[in-house]
Protein backbone atom coordinates (compact mmCIF):
# COMPACT_ATOMS: atom_id res chain seq x y z
CA MET A 1 -12.71 16.61 5.71
CA LYS A 2 -13.54 13.01 6.54
CA TYR A 3 -15.63 10.71 4.33
CA LEU A 4 -16.91 7.26 5.25
CA HIS A 5 -15.53 4.75 2.76
CA GLY A 6 -16.93 1.56 4.26
CA VAL A 7 -18.07 -0.37 7.31
CA LYS A 8 -17.25 -3.92 8.31
CA TYR A 9 -18.59 -5.99 11.18
CA ILE A 10 -16.08 -8.60 12.31
CA GLU A 11 -17.40 -12.06 11.48
CA LYS A 12 -18.67 -14.24 14.33
CA GLU A 13 -16.17 -17.00 13.48
CA LEU A 14 -13.24 -14.62 13.91
CA LEU A 15 -14.66 -13.24 17.15
CA ASP A 16 -15.18 -16.79 18.49
CA LYS A 17 -11.65 -17.78 17.47
CA ASN A 18 -10.31 -14.90 19.59
CA ASN A 19 -12.69 -15.56 22.52
CA ILE A 20 -14.55 -12.29 21.96
CA ILE A 21 -18.26 -12.44 22.77
CA HIS A 22 -19.37 -8.92 21.80
CA PRO A 23 -19.90 -7.38 18.35
CA ILE A 24 -17.18 -5.20 16.83
CA LYS A 25 -17.66 -2.70 14.01
CA LEU A 26 -14.85 -1.21 11.92
CA GLU A 27 -15.30 2.02 9.98
CA TYR A 28 -12.85 3.09 7.29
CA TYR A 29 -12.61 6.80 6.40
CA LYS A 30 -10.89 8.77 3.64
CA VAL A 31 -9.48 11.97 5.11
CA LYS A 32 -8.80 14.93 2.80
CA GLU A 33 -5.78 16.83 4.02
CA LEU A 34 -4.33 20.13 2.86
CA GLY A 35 -3.46 20.28 -0.82
CA SER A 36 -3.97 17.03 -2.68
CA MET A 37 -2.93 14.64 0.10
CA TYR A 38 -5.21 12.03 1.68
CA GLY A 39 -5.05 10.13 4.93
CA ILE A 40 -6.98 7.18 6.36
CA GLU A 41 -8.78 6.81 9.66
CA ILE A 42 -9.99 3.53 11.13
CA VAL A 43 -12.55 3.55 13.95
CA LYS A 44 -13.22 0.41 15.98
CA THR A 45 -16.44 0.26 18.01
CA GLU A 46 -16.93 -2.52 20.56
CA TYR A 47 -20.45 -3.08 21.84
CA LEU A 48 -19.87 -4.34 25.38
CA TYR A 49 -22.59 -5.33 27.85
CA ASP A 50 -21.87 -2.30 30.01
CA GLY A 51 -21.32 0.28 27.25
CA ILE A 52 -19.60 1.17 24.02
CA VAL A 53 -15.83 1.49 23.62
CA LYS A 54 -14.32 3.34 20.65
CA GLU A 55 -10.73 3.32 19.46
CA SER A 56 -9.40 5.09 16.40
CA LYS A 57 -6.21 5.70 14.47
CA MET A 58 -5.53 8.39 11.88
CA VAL A 59 -2.70 7.84 9.41
CA LYS A 60 -1.78 11.06 7.62
CA GLY A 61 -0.07 11.54 4.29
CA VAL A 62 -0.94 8.17 2.81
CA THR A 63 -1.22 9.23 -0.85
CA ASN A 64 -2.27 11.99 -3.20
CA ASN A 65 -3.85 9.50 -5.63
CA LYS A 66 -7.59 8.84 -5.13
CA CYS A 67 -7.48 5.50 -6.95
CA GLU A 68 -4.57 4.28 -4.81
CA LEU A 69 -6.38 5.49 -1.68
CA HIS A 70 -9.47 3.46 -2.63
CA GLN A 71 -7.35 0.34 -3.25
CA ILE A 72 -5.55 0.69 0.07
CA ILE A 73 -8.79 1.08 2.03
CA GLU A 74 -10.32 -1.93 0.27
CA LYS A 75 -7.29 -4.03 1.28
CA LEU A 76 -7.64 -2.81 4.87
CA LYS A 77 -11.33 -3.81 4.89
CA ARG A 78 -10.65 -7.25 3.38
CA GLY A 79 -7.93 -7.83 5.97
CA THR A 80 -10.12 -6.63 8.86
CA VAL A 81 -7.38 -4.18 9.88
CA THR A 82 -8.00 -2.49 13.23
CA PRO A 83 -6.64 0.85 14.51
CA ILE A 84 -3.84 -0.76 16.51
CA THR A 85 -2.09 -2.14 13.38
CA ALA A 86 -3.27 0.46 10.84
CA GLU A 87 -0.03 2.39 10.47
CA GLU A 88 2.15 -0.71 10.00
CA ILE A 89 -0.21 -2.35 7.52
CA ILE A 90 -0.66 0.83 5.44
CA GLU A 91 3.13 1.18 5.23
CA GLU A 92 3.45 -2.47 4.12
CA ILE A 93 0.78 -1.99 1.43
CA LYS A 94 2.51 1.14 0.12
CA GLN A 95 5.89 -0.62 -0.01
CA GLU A 96 4.30 -3.57 -1.81
CA GLU A 97 2.82 -1.20 -4.43
CA GLU A 98 6.18 0.56 -4.89
CA LEU A 99 7.89 -2.81 -5.49
CA LYS A 100 5.26 -3.73 -8.10
CA ILE A 101 5.85 -0.46 -9.95
CA GLU A 102 9.64 -0.91 -9.84
CA PHE A 103 9.31 -4.48 -11.13
CA GLN A 104 7.00 -3.42 -13.98
CA GLU A 105 9.40 -0.65 -14.98
CA ALA A 106 12.36 -3.07 -14.87
CA ILE A 107 10.73 -5.55 -17.26
CA LEU A 108 9.74 -2.88 -19.80
């Protein structure tokens, strides 16, 4: 099952900086997989003059921890992550979290 976690419209300043003149909406979804595993889907909607273009990316097997899932999606929203870079960024976030845990365990 898929649940909407949040929506973000890309700020005008960022669109202008990239010479984009049409609005873009990003939707971030929690996806419940089999068992206790969760994935993430990002949907990008571009509102062009001649129609709407949608692009999406589903990343499976992200985590089995709901709290961690929430934190990852919030980071994706803050970073305005789009479908094209979703997989790489999620992997980087997970590696960063693993390093934090290892460091905390090493200093204890």
